[in-house]
Amino acid sequence: MSDEERQTRAGFGFGLSAYLFWGVVPLYFKLLDHVGAFEIVAHRIAWALPLLLVLVLFARQLGGLLAALRDPAIMRALALSSVLIAINWTIYIWAVIHEQILAASLGYFLNPLVSVLLGVVVLKERLRRWQLAAITLAGAGVAVLATGALDTLWISITLALSFGTYGLVRKVTPVTAIQGLTIETAVLFAPSLGWIAWVASRGEMGFGADAGTDALLILGAAVTALPMLLFAAAARRLKLSTLGLLQYVAPSLQFAIGAFVFGEPLSAARIACFALIWAGLLLFTADSLRAAQAERKVARSVA
């Protein structure tokens, strides 16, 4: 086996592990449904920062982290991305603990199509014909859902837009995954401690209620950092087309957990919406694979 094949196999393992982790994480947050979503996110950030700083030192990226902290442009971008990821985490956890996992999974099914749209609008990328057809199908699905499940549509749209925009910001910001996540966590650290203190002053804090809750809130640091690092390792080793296929693992698992584990209702509008979006994703994926194959042929002919 060549070194390239070994790297690809390792990358696939890292990527699949990351998306499987994200796919089953609703089961983890369901165990914290007696704690408020804002407090869960605040603890997730507060406990993640020391863990990430240790990982930065272990990965010997402290110099790059300090350089990024001294760069005003990078700090402005990461301040924006920190707000976007905080919104995404909070809405996602709120959805999980309020039995809206299906709405959350829909948001992440929409995310790759939102990313394509943002690339067109912001980066002036050109859409291929089948990409446009895929986005049209997804738009039709959202329109159907708006007529029959308007009360949860805001969850899906907010998750898709916040994570899609977060991905765009991080794409154009020259920092590594661990440096960026560490700085984002540091930006959110003081507000998180403030929220924890405010909740504690009102006697409403979940932390301290029992040892099990405390352990789950502390372990939120690993829940935050581990899949992000696995994803970063996969991104360095895999082609984007392969990584793009893997990203549907997480929302598919979330959908199955919401529908079949927690018994969330599948209304006619929701079924039609998912069907249209899945059709769009299949079309989008097929077009991406076809384009990647064409690029490989061109590269081989030039070589």
C-alpha atoms as a PDB file:
ATOM      1  CA  MET A   1       0.000   0.000   0.000  1.00  0.00           C
ATOM      2  CA  SER A   2       1.383   3.400  -0.991  1.00  0.00           C
ATOM      3  CA  ASP A   3       1.758   6.290   1.464  1.00  0.00           C
ATOM      4  CA  GLU A   4      -1.040   8.166  -0.329  1.00  0.00           C
ATOM      5  CA  GLU A   5      -3.396   5.194   0.094  1.00  0.00           C
ATOM      6  CA  ARG A   6      -2.508   4.936   3.787  1.00  0.00           C
ATOM      7  CA  GLN A   7      -3.176   8.642   4.264  1.00  0.00           C
ATOM      8  CA  THR A   8      -6.502   8.358   2.448  1.00  0.00           C
ATOM      9  CA  ARG A   9      -7.560   5.373   4.544  1.00  0.00           C
ATOM     10  CA  ALA A  10      -6.574   7.153   7.758  1.00  0.00           C
ATOM     11  CA  GLY A  11      -8.382  10.307   6.622  1.00  0.00           C
ATOM     12  CA  PHE A  12     -11.547   8.338   5.899  1.00  0.00           C
ATOM     13  CA  GLY A  13     -11.369   6.825   9.386  1.00  0.00           C
ATOM     14  CA  PHE A  14     -10.894  10.242  10.994  1.00  0.00           C
ATOM     15  CA  GLY A  15     -13.713  11.799   8.964  1.00  0.00           C
ATOM     16  CA  LEU A  16     -16.175   8.969   9.552  1.00  0.00           C
ATOM     17  CA  SER A  17     -15.381   9.059  13.285  1.00  0.00           C
ATOM     18  CA  ALA A  18     -16.038  12.815  13.432  1.00  0.00           C
ATOM     19  CA  TYR A  19     -19.398  12.596  11.675  1.00  0.00           C
ATOM     20  CA  LEU A  20     -20.487   9.511  13.643  1.00  0.00           C
ATOM     21  CA  PHE A  21     -19.646  11.442  16.799  1.00  0.00           C
ATOM     22  CA  TRP A  22     -21.685  14.459  15.680  1.00  0.00           C
ATOM     23  CA  GLY A  23     -24.485  12.137  14.595  1.00  0.00           C
ATOM     24  CA  VAL A  24     -25.009  10.502  17.995  1.00  0.00           C
ATOM     25  CA  VAL A  25     -24.305  13.575  20.143  1.00  0.00           C
ATOM     26  CA  PRO A  26     -28.069  14.248  20.623  1.00  0.00           C
ATOM     27  CA  LEU A  27     -28.090  11.204  22.915  1.00  0.00           C
ATOM     28  CA  TYR A  28     -25.480  12.954  25.065  1.00  0.00           C
ATOM     29  CA  PHE A  29     -27.258  16.293  25.255  1.00  0.00           C
ATOM     30  CA  LYS A  30     -30.572  14.576  25.986  1.00  0.00           C
ATOM     31  CA  LEU A  31     -29.027  13.508  29.293  1.00  0.00           C
ATOM     32  CA  LEU A  32     -28.771  17.218  30.125  1.00  0.00           C
ATOM     33  CA  ASP A  33     -32.338  18.184  29.244  1.00  0.00           C
ATOM     34  CA  HIS A  34     -32.855  19.356  32.842  1.00  0.00           C
ATOM     35  CA  VAL A  35     -30.177  22.046  32.324  1.00  0.00           C
ATOM     36  CA  GLY A  36     -30.778  25.199  30.291  1.00  0.00           C
ATOM     37  CA  ALA A  37     -29.305  25.372  26.786  1.00  0.00           C
ATOM     38  CA  PHE A  38     -27.372  28.580  27.545  1.00  0.00           C
ATOM     39  CA  GLU A  39     -25.790  27.037  30.633  1.00  0.00           C
ATOM     40  CA  ILE A  40     -24.801  23.905  28.705  1.00  0.00           C
ATOM     41  CA  VAL A  41     -23.074  26.023  26.054  1.00  0.00           C
ATOM     42  CA  ALA A  42     -21.414  28.201  28.703  1.00  0.00           C
ATOM     43  CA  HIS A  43     -19.941  25.161  30.462  1.00  0.00           C
ATOM     44  CA  ARG A  44     -18.991  23.651  27.116  1.00  0.00           C
ATOM     45  CA  ILE A  45     -16.891  26.751  26.408  1.00  0.00           C
ATOM     46  CA  ALA A  46     -15.529  27.233  29.940  1.00  0.00           C
ATOM     47  CA  TRP A  47     -14.201  23.675  30.241  1.00  0.00           C
ATOM     48  CA  ALA A  48     -13.034  23.487  26.609  1.00  0.00           C
ATOM     49  CA  LEU A  49     -10.577  26.398  26.825  1.00  0.00           C
ATOM     50  CA  PRO A  50      -8.034  24.768  29.203  1.00  0.00           C
ATOM     51  CA  LEU A  51      -8.291  21.504  27.238  1.00  0.00           C
ATOM     52  CA  LEU A  52      -7.641  23.299  23.951  1.00  0.00           C
ATOM     53  CA  LEU A  53      -4.682  25.217  25.392  1.00  0.00           C
ATOM     54  CA  VAL A  54      -3.115  21.905  26.434  1.00  0.00           C
ATOM     55  CA  LEU A  55      -3.727  20.527  22.942  1.00  0.00           C
ATOM     56  CA  VAL A  56      -2.147  23.642  21.374  1.00  0.00           C
ATOM     57  CA  LEU A  57       0.987  23.088  23.462  1.00  0.00           C
ATOM     58  CA  PHE A  58       1.014  19.368  22.645  1.00  0.00           C
ATOM     59  CA  ALA A  59       0.667  20.123  18.911  1.00  0.00           C
ATOM     60  CA  ARG A  60       3.415  22.770  19.151  1.00  0.00           C
ATOM     61  CA  GLN A  61       1.170  25.470  17.713  1.00  0.00           C
ATOM     62  CA  LEU A  62       1.605  28.081  20.448  1.00  0.00           C
ATOM     63  CA  GLY A  63       3.686  30.309  18.168  1.00  0.00           C
ATOM     64  CA  GLY A  64       1.002  30.308  15.481  1.00  0.00           C
ATOM     65  CA  LEU A  65      -1.678  30.972  18.097  1.00  0.00           C
ATOM     66  CA  LEU A  66       0.191  33.999  19.482  1.00  0.00           C
ATOM     67  CA  ALA A  67       0.786  35.322  15.956  1.00  0.00           C
ATOM     68  CA  ALA A  68      -2.933  35.052  15.204  1.00  0.00           C
ATOM     69  CA  LEU A  69      -3.780  36.891  18.436  1.00  0.00           C
ATOM     70  CA  ARG A  70      -1.574  39.795  17.317  1.00  0.00           C
ATOM     71  CA  ASP A  71      -3.240  40.059  13.890  1.00  0.00           C
ATOM     72  CA  PRO A  72      -6.251  42.457  13.996  1.00  0.00           C
ATOM     73  CA  ALA A  73      -7.787  41.100  10.771  1.00  0.00           C
ATOM     74  CA  ILE A  74      -7.663  37.507  11.997  1.00  0.00           C
ATOM     75  CA  MET A  75      -9.091  38.505  15.378  1.00  0.00           C
ATOM     76  CA  ARG A  76     -12.007  40.368  13.748  1.00  0.00           C
ATOM     77  CA  ALA A  77     -12.794  37.309  11.635  1.00  0.00           C
ATOM     78  CA  LEU A  78     -12.575  34.938  14.598  1.00  0.00           C
ATOM     79  CA  ALA A  79     -14.694  37.245  16.749  1.00  0.00           C
ATOM     80  CA  LEU A  80     -17.406  36.927  14.091  1.00  0.00           C
ATOM     81  CA  SER A  81     -16.963  33.156  13.770  1.00  0.00           C
ATOM     82  CA  SER A  82     -17.143  32.778  17.562  1.00  0.00           C
ATOM     83  CA  VAL A  83     -20.528  34.505  17.621  1.00  0.00           C
ATOM     84  CA  LEU A  84     -21.773  32.333  14.755  1.00  0.00           C
ATOM     85  CA  ILE A  85     -20.670  29.058  16.379  1.00  0.00           C
ATOM     86  CA  ALA A  86     -22.130  30.121  19.737  1.00  0.00           C
ATOM     87  CA  ILE A  87     -25.490  30.752  18.036  1.00  0.00           C
ATOM     88  CA  ASN A  88     -25.243  27.398  16.266  1.00  0.00           C
ATOM     89  CA  TRP A  89     -24.375  25.447  19.418  1.00  0.00           C
ATOM     90  CA  THR A  90     -27.100  27.131  21.472  1.00  0.00           C
ATOM     91  CA  ILE A  91     -29.888  26.607  18.933  1.00  0.00           C
ATOM     92  CA  TYR A  92     -28.788  23.013  18.359  1.00  0.00           C
ATOM     93  CA  ILE A  93     -28.729  22.120  22.056  1.00  0.00           C
ATOM     94  CA  TRP A  94     -32.039  23.937  22.615  1.00  0.00           C
ATOM     95  CA  ALA A  95     -33.558  21.898  19.779  1.00  0.00           C
ATOM     96  CA  VAL A  96     -32.270  18.608  21.195  1.00  0.00           C
ATOM     97  CA  ILE A  97     -33.522  19.166  24.742  1.00  0.00           C
ATOM     98  CA  HIS A  98     -36.887  20.471  23.463  1.00  0.00           C
ATOM     99  CA  GLU A  99     -37.525  17.406  21.253  1.00  0.00           C
ATOM    100  CA  GLN A 100     -36.783  19.110  17.927  1.00  0.00           C
ATOM    101  CA  ILE A 101     -33.971  16.835  16.738  1.00  0.00           C
ATOM    102  CA  LEU A 102     -35.634  16.377  13.329  1.00  0.00           C
ATOM    103  CA  ALA A 103     -35.664  20.137  12.773  1.00  0.00           C
ATOM    104  CA  ALA A 104     -31.981  20.256  13.771  1.00  0.00           C
ATOM    105  CA  SER A 105     -31.059  17.429  11.383  1.00  0.00           C
ATOM    106  CA  LEU A 106     -32.840  19.261   8.573  1.00  0.00           C
ATOM    107  CA  GLY A 107     -30.619  22.281   9.227  1.00  0.00           C
ATOM    108  CA  TYR A 108     -27.470  20.201   8.751  1.00  0.00           C
ATOM    109  CA  PHE A 109     -28.883  18.543   5.617  1.00  0.00           C
ATOM    110  CA  LEU A 110     -29.347  22.056   4.257  1.00  0.00           C
ATOM    111  CA  ASN A 111     -25.862  23.171   5.265  1.00  0.00           C
ATOM    112  CA  PRO A 112     -23.869  21.988   2.200  1.00  0.00           C
ATOM    113  CA  LEU A 113     -26.366  23.658  -0.111  1.00  0.00           C
ATOM    114  CA  VAL A 114     -26.215  26.869   1.937  1.00  0.00           C
ATOM    115  CA  SER A 115     -22.424  26.720   1.669  1.00  0.00           C
ATOM    116  CA  VAL A 116     -22.692  26.533  -2.131  1.00  0.00           C
ATOM    117  CA  LEU A 117     -25.035  29.536  -2.176  1.00  0.00           C
ATOM    118  CA  LEU A 118     -22.687  31.536   0.042  1.00  0.00           C
ATOM    119  CA  GLY A 119     -19.821  30.669  -2.281  1.00  0.00           C
ATOM    120  CA  VAL A 120     -21.814  32.074  -5.209  1.00  0.00           C
ATOM    121  CA  VAL A 121     -22.965  35.231  -3.418  1.00  0.00           C
ATOM    122  CA  VAL A 122     -19.815  36.084  -1.437  1.00  0.00           C
ATOM    123  CA  LEU A 123     -16.924  34.411  -3.275  1.00  0.00           C
ATOM    124  CA  LYS A 124     -18.475  34.854  -6.757  1.00  0.00           C
ATOM    125  CA  GLU A 125     -18.151  31.148  -7.527  1.00  0.00           C
ATOM    126  CA  ARG A 126     -20.082  29.834 -10.524  1.00  0.00           C
ATOM    127  CA  LEU A 127     -22.849  27.264 -10.146  1.00  0.00           C
ATOM    128  CA  ARG A 128     -22.949  24.268 -12.407  1.00  0.00           C
ATOM    129  CA  ARG A 129     -26.339  23.392 -13.905  1.00  0.00           C
ATOM    130  CA  TRP A 130     -26.978  20.415 -11.627  1.00  0.00           C
ATOM    131  CA  GLN A 131     -25.874  22.348  -8.558  1.00  0.00           C
ATOM    132  CA  LEU A 132     -28.514  24.946  -9.382  1.00  0.00           C
ATOM    133  CA  ALA A 133     -31.107  22.176  -9.781  1.00  0.00           C
ATOM    134  CA  ALA A 134     -30.091  20.724  -6.377  1.00  0.00           C
ATOM    135  CA  ILE A 135     -30.494  24.072  -4.643  1.00  0.00           C
ATOM    136  CA  THR A 136     -33.866  24.580  -6.343  1.00  0.00           C
ATOM    137  CA  LEU A 137     -35.075  21.224  -4.985  1.00  0.00           C
ATOM    138  CA  ALA A 138     -33.892  22.134  -1.489  1.00  0.00           C
ATOM    139  CA  GLY A 139     -35.632  25.507  -1.757  1.00  0.00           C
ATOM    140  CA  ALA A 140     -38.844  23.734  -2.752  1.00  0.00           C
ATOM    141  CA  GLY A 141     -38.487  21.508   0.312  1.00  0.00           C
ATOM    142  CA  VAL A 142     -38.128  24.502   2.612  1.00  0.00           C
ATOM    143  CA  ALA A 143     -41.162  26.115   0.967  1.00  0.00           C
ATOM    144  CA  VAL A 144     -43.237  22.971   1.613  1.00  0.00           C
ATOM    145  CA  LEU A 145     -42.106  22.887   5.237  1.00  0.00           C
ATOM    146  CA  ALA A 146     -42.999  26.561   5.626  1.00  0.00           C
ATOM    147  CA  THR A 147     -46.608  25.751   4.752  1.00  0.00           C
ATOM    148  CA  GLY A 148     -46.942  22.896   7.250  1.00  0.00           C
ATOM    149  CA  ALA A 149     -44.321  23.273   9.982  1.00  0.00           C
ATOM    150  CA  LEU A 150     -43.554  26.964  10.239  1.00  0.00           C
ATOM    151  CA  ASP A 151     -43.114  26.736  14.000  1.00  0.00           C
ATOM    152  CA  THR A 152     -39.876  24.724  13.680  1.00  0.00           C
ATOM    153  CA  LEU A 153     -38.548  26.074  10.376  1.00  0.00           C
ATOM    154  CA  TRP A 154     -36.608  28.801  12.184  1.00  0.00           C
ATOM    155  CA  ILE A 155     -34.472  26.111  13.885  1.00  0.00           C
ATOM    156  CA  SER A 156     -33.425  24.517  10.586  1.00  0.00           C
ATOM    157  CA  ILE A 157     -32.774  27.832   8.810  1.00  0.00           C
ATOM    158  CA  THR A 158     -30.803  29.317  11.713  1.00  0.00           C
ATOM    159  CA  LEU A 159     -28.613  26.218  12.060  1.00  0.00           C
ATOM    160  CA  ALA A 160     -27.928  26.030   8.312  1.00  0.00           C
ATOM    161  CA  LEU A 161     -27.154  29.748   7.937  1.00  0.00           C
ATOM    162  CA  SER A 162     -25.052  30.044  11.101  1.00  0.00           C
ATOM    163  CA  PHE A 163     -22.907  26.988  10.360  1.00  0.00           C
ATOM    164  CA  GLY A 164     -22.682  27.752   6.647  1.00  0.00           C
ATOM    165  CA  THR A 165     -21.526  31.312   7.358  1.00  0.00           C
ATOM    166  CA  TYR A 166     -19.163  30.018  10.047  1.00  0.00           C
ATOM    167  CA  GLY A 167     -17.588  27.698   7.485  1.00  0.00           C
ATOM    168  CA  LEU A 168     -17.195  30.582   5.038  1.00  0.00           C
ATOM    169  CA  VAL A 169     -15.484  32.795   7.627  1.00  0.00           C
ATOM    170  CA  ARG A 170     -13.127  30.008   8.691  1.00  0.00           C
ATOM    171  CA  LYS A 171     -12.355  29.163   5.050  1.00  0.00           C
ATOM    172  CA  VAL A 172     -10.932  32.639   4.418  1.00  0.00           C
ATOM    173  CA  THR A 173      -9.187  33.012   7.812  1.00  0.00           C
ATOM    174  CA  PRO A 174      -5.546  31.801   7.767  1.00  0.00           C
ATOM    175  CA  VAL A 175      -5.407  29.764  10.999  1.00  0.00           C
ATOM    176  CA  THR A 176      -5.315  26.034  11.715  1.00  0.00           C
ATOM    177  CA  ALA A 177      -8.387  24.275  13.082  1.00  0.00           C
ATOM    178  CA  ILE A 178      -7.079  24.038  16.632  1.00  0.00           C
ATOM    179  CA  GLN A 179      -5.762  27.634  16.659  1.00  0.00           C
ATOM    180  CA  GLY A 180      -9.081  28.972  15.395  1.00  0.00           C
ATOM    181  CA  LEU A 181     -11.196  26.921  17.803  1.00  0.00           C
ATOM    182  CA  THR A 182      -8.970  27.937  20.732  1.00  0.00           C
ATOM    183  CA  ILE A 183      -9.270  31.647  19.923  1.00  0.00           C
ATOM    184  CA  GLU A 184     -13.027  31.370  19.367  1.00  0.00           C
ATOM    185  CA  THR A 185     -13.360  29.638  22.738  1.00  0.00           C
ATOM    186  CA  ALA A 186     -11.208  32.321  24.385  1.00  0.00           C
ATOM    187  CA  VAL A 187     -13.404  35.076  22.894  1.00  0.00           C
ATOM    188  CA  LEU A 188     -16.492  33.402  24.363  1.00  0.00           C
ATOM    189  CA  PHE A 189     -14.854  32.482  27.702  1.00  0.00           C
ATOM    190  CA  ALA A 190     -15.610  35.654  29.692  1.00  0.00           C
ATOM    191  CA  PRO A 191     -19.273  35.902  28.537  1.00  0.00           C
ATOM    192  CA  SER A 192     -19.683  32.215  29.407  1.00  0.00           C
ATOM    193  CA  LEU A 193     -18.329  32.711  32.921  1.00  0.00           C
ATOM    194  CA  GLY A 194     -20.604  35.741  33.263  1.00  0.00           C
ATOM    195  CA  TRP A 195     -23.643  33.675  32.289  1.00  0.00           C
ATOM    196  CA  ILE A 196     -22.693  30.891  34.706  1.00  0.00           C
ATOM    197  CA  ALA A 197     -22.290  33.456  37.525  1.00  0.00           C
ATOM    198  CA  TRP A 198     -25.652  35.053  36.692  1.00  0.00           C
ATOM    199  CA  VAL A 199     -27.469  31.707  36.668  1.00  0.00           C
ATOM    200  CA  ALA A 200     -25.780  30.769  39.955  1.00  0.00           C
ATOM    201  CA  SER A 201     -26.870  34.063  41.556  1.00  0.00           C
ATOM    202  CA  ARG A 202     -30.465  33.204  40.715  1.00  0.00           C
ATOM    203  CA  GLY A 203     -30.165  29.735  42.227  1.00  0.00           C
ATOM    204  CA  GLU A 204     -30.984  28.113  38.867  1.00  0.00           C
ATOM    205  CA  MET A 205     -27.638  26.541  37.979  1.00  0.00           C
ATOM    206  CA  GLY A 206     -27.613  22.896  36.906  1.00  0.00           C
ATOM    207  CA  PHE A 207     -23.921  22.484  37.747  1.00  0.00           C
ATOM    208  CA  GLY A 208     -23.572  21.326  41.342  1.00  0.00           C
ATOM    209  CA  ALA A 209     -26.963  19.640  41.417  1.00  0.00           C
ATOM    210  CA  ASP A 210     -25.499  16.123  41.300  1.00  0.00           C
ATOM    211  CA  ALA A 211     -22.269  14.376  40.323  1.00  0.00           C
ATOM    212  CA  GLY A 212     -23.703  12.961  37.090  1.00  0.00           C
ATOM    213  CA  THR A 213     -24.754  16.364  35.771  1.00  0.00           C
ATOM    214  CA  ASP A 214     -21.402  17.882  36.748  1.00  0.00           C
ATOM    215  CA  ALA A 215     -19.507  15.137  34.918  1.00  0.00           C
ATOM    216  CA  LEU A 216     -21.601  15.551  31.768  1.00  0.00           C
ATOM    217  CA  LEU A 217     -21.102  19.324  31.735  1.00  0.00           C
ATOM    218  CA  ILE A 218     -17.332  18.970  32.197  1.00  0.00           C
ATOM    219  CA  LEU A 219     -17.139  16.293  29.491  1.00  0.00           C
ATOM    220  CA  GLY A 220     -18.719  18.844  27.145  1.00  0.00           C
ATOM    221  CA  ALA A 221     -15.156  20.073  26.600  1.00  0.00           C
ATOM    222  CA  ALA A 222     -14.203  16.801  24.936  1.00  0.00           C
ATOM    223  CA  VAL A 223     -17.524  16.705  23.058  1.00  0.00           C
ATOM    224  CA  THR A 224     -16.550  20.095  21.620  1.00  0.00           C
ATOM    225  CA  ALA A 225     -12.897  19.465  20.827  1.00  0.00           C
ATOM    226  CA  LEU A 226     -12.644  15.801  19.796  1.00  0.00           C
ATOM    227  CA  PRO A 227     -14.837  15.787  16.642  1.00  0.00           C
ATOM    228  CA  MET A 228     -13.387  19.120  15.501  1.00  0.00           C
ATOM    229  CA  LEU A 229      -9.859  17.713  15.703  1.00  0.00           C
ATOM    230  CA  LEU A 230     -10.877  14.479  13.967  1.00  0.00           C
ATOM    231  CA  PHE A 231     -12.480  16.547  11.215  1.00  0.00           C
ATOM    232  CA  ALA A 232      -9.337  18.671  10.830  1.00  0.00           C
ATOM    233  CA  ALA A 233      -7.206  15.524  10.530  1.00  0.00           C
ATOM    234  CA  ALA A 234      -9.575  14.160   7.873  1.00  0.00           C
ATOM    235  CA  ALA A 235      -9.615  17.416   5.907  1.00  0.00           C
ATOM    236  CA  ARG A 236      -5.816  17.298   5.554  1.00  0.00           C
ATOM    237  CA  ARG A 237      -5.902  13.770   4.099  1.00  0.00           C
ATOM    238  CA  LEU A 238      -9.087  13.522   2.018  1.00  0.00           C
ATOM    239  CA  LYS A 239     -10.323  15.075  -1.193  1.00  0.00           C
ATOM    240  CA  LEU A 240     -13.155  17.516  -0.713  1.00  0.00           C
ATOM    241  CA  SER A 241     -15.532  15.315  -2.696  1.00  0.00           C
ATOM    242  CA  THR A 242     -14.958  12.426  -0.272  1.00  0.00           C
ATOM    243  CA  LEU A 243     -15.296  14.691   2.749  1.00  0.00           C
ATOM    244  CA  GLY A 244     -18.487  16.110   1.255  1.00  0.00           C
ATOM    245  CA  LEU A 245     -20.039  12.652   1.056  1.00  0.00           C
ATOM    246  CA  LEU A 246     -19.203  11.933   4.696  1.00  0.00           C
ATOM    247  CA  GLN A 247     -20.938  15.070   5.967  1.00  0.00           C
ATOM    248  CA  TYR A 248     -24.372  13.475   5.404  1.00  0.00           C
ATOM    249  CA  VAL A 249     -23.628  10.800   8.013  1.00  0.00           C
ATOM    250  CA  ALA A 250     -24.270  13.133  10.965  1.00  0.00           C
ATOM    251  CA  PRO A 251     -27.703  14.532  10.010  1.00  0.00           C
ATOM    252  CA  SER A 252     -28.818  11.070   8.850  1.00  0.00           C
ATOM    253  CA  LEU A 253     -28.061   9.657  12.300  1.00  0.00           C
ATOM    254  CA  GLN A 254     -29.687  12.656  13.963  1.00  0.00           C
ATOM    255  CA  PHE A 255     -32.794  12.114  11.841  1.00  0.00           C
ATOM    256  CA  ALA A 256     -32.940   8.421  12.830  1.00  0.00           C
ATOM    257  CA  ILE A 257     -32.482   9.255  16.521  1.00  0.00           C
ATOM    258  CA  GLY A 258     -35.196  11.924  16.440  1.00  0.00           C
ATOM    259  CA  ALA A 259     -37.720   9.795  14.547  1.00  0.00           C
ATOM    260  CA  PHE A 260     -37.077   6.303  15.883  1.00  0.00           C
ATOM    261  CA  VAL A 261     -35.461   6.721  19.304  1.00  0.00           C
ATOM    262  CA  PHE A 262     -37.362   9.715  20.665  1.00  0.00           C
ATOM    263  CA  GLY A 263     -40.467   9.313  18.506  1.00  0.00           C
ATOM    264  CA  GLU A 264     -40.676  12.858  17.179  1.00  0.00           C
ATOM    265  CA  PRO A 265     -43.657  13.202  14.794  1.00  0.00           C
ATOM    266  CA  LEU A 266     -43.047  12.977  11.038  1.00  0.00           C
ATOM    267  CA  SER A 267     -45.737  15.207   9.543  1.00  0.00           C
ATOM    268  CA  ALA A 268     -46.607  15.080   5.830  1.00  0.00           C
ATOM    269  CA  ALA A 269     -44.958  18.478   5.297  1.00  0.00           C
ATOM    270  CA  ARG A 270     -41.802  17.346   7.079  1.00  0.00           C
ATOM    271  CA  ILE A 271     -41.617  14.093   5.074  1.00  0.00           C
ATOM    272  CA  ALA A 272     -42.080  16.006   1.792  1.00  0.00           C
ATOM    273  CA  CYS A 273     -39.426  18.532   2.824  1.00  0.00           C
ATOM    274  CA  PHE A 274     -36.881  15.849   3.693  1.00  0.00           C
ATOM    275  CA  ALA A 275     -37.630  13.985   0.450  1.00  0.00           C
ATOM    276  CA  LEU A 276     -36.993  17.089  -1.663  1.00  0.00           C
ATOM    277  CA  ILE A 277     -33.821  17.996   0.235  1.00  0.00           C
ATOM    278  CA  TRP A 278     -32.474  14.439   0.044  1.00  0.00           C
ATOM    279  CA  ALA A 279     -33.168  14.464  -3.698  1.00  0.00           C
ATOM    280  CA  GLY A 280     -31.271  17.732  -3.955  1.00  0.00           C
ATOM    281  CA  LEU A 281     -28.376  16.323  -1.954  1.00  0.00           C
ATOM    282  CA  LEU A 282     -28.190  13.207  -4.128  1.00  0.00           C
ATOM    283  CA  LEU A 283     -28.115  15.398  -7.224  1.00  0.00           C
ATOM    284  CA  PHE A 284     -25.526  17.674  -5.633  1.00  0.00           C
ATOM    285  CA  THR A 285     -23.339  14.709  -4.613  1.00  0.00           C
ATOM    286  CA  ALA A 286     -23.564  13.031  -8.027  1.00  0.00           C
ATOM    287  CA  ASP A 287     -22.570  16.279  -9.730  1.00  0.00           C
ATOM    288  CA  SER A 288     -19.641  16.785  -7.320  1.00  0.00           C
ATOM    289  CA  LEU A 289     -18.359  13.261  -7.966  1.00  0.00           C
ATOM    290  CA  ARG A 290     -18.711  13.718 -11.732  1.00  0.00           C
ATOM    291  CA  ALA A 291     -16.837  17.026 -11.586  1.00  0.00           C
ATOM    292  CA  ALA A 292     -14.061  15.514  -9.433  1.00  0.00           C
ATOM    293  CA  GLN A 293     -13.690  12.627 -11.878  1.00  0.00           C
ATOM    294  CA  ALA A 294     -13.438  15.050 -14.795  1.00  0.00           C
ATOM    295  CA  GLU A 295     -10.751  17.052 -12.969  1.00  0.00           C
ATOM    296  CA  ARG A 296      -8.734  13.871 -12.350  1.00  0.00           C
ATOM    297  CA  LYS A 297      -8.893  12.994 -16.049  1.00  0.00           C
ATOM    298  CA  VAL A 298      -7.667  16.458 -16.995  1.00  0.00           C
ATOM    299  CA  ALA A 299      -4.852  16.242 -14.444  1.00  0.00           C
ATOM    300  CA  ARG A 300      -3.743  12.842 -15.780  1.00  0.00           C
ATOM    301  CA  SER A 301      -3.788  14.083 -19.393  1.00  0.00           C
ATOM    302  CA  VAL A 302      -1.675  17.124 -18.476  1.00  0.00           C
ATOM    303  CA  ALA A 303       0.771  14.976 -16.530  1.00  0.00           C
END
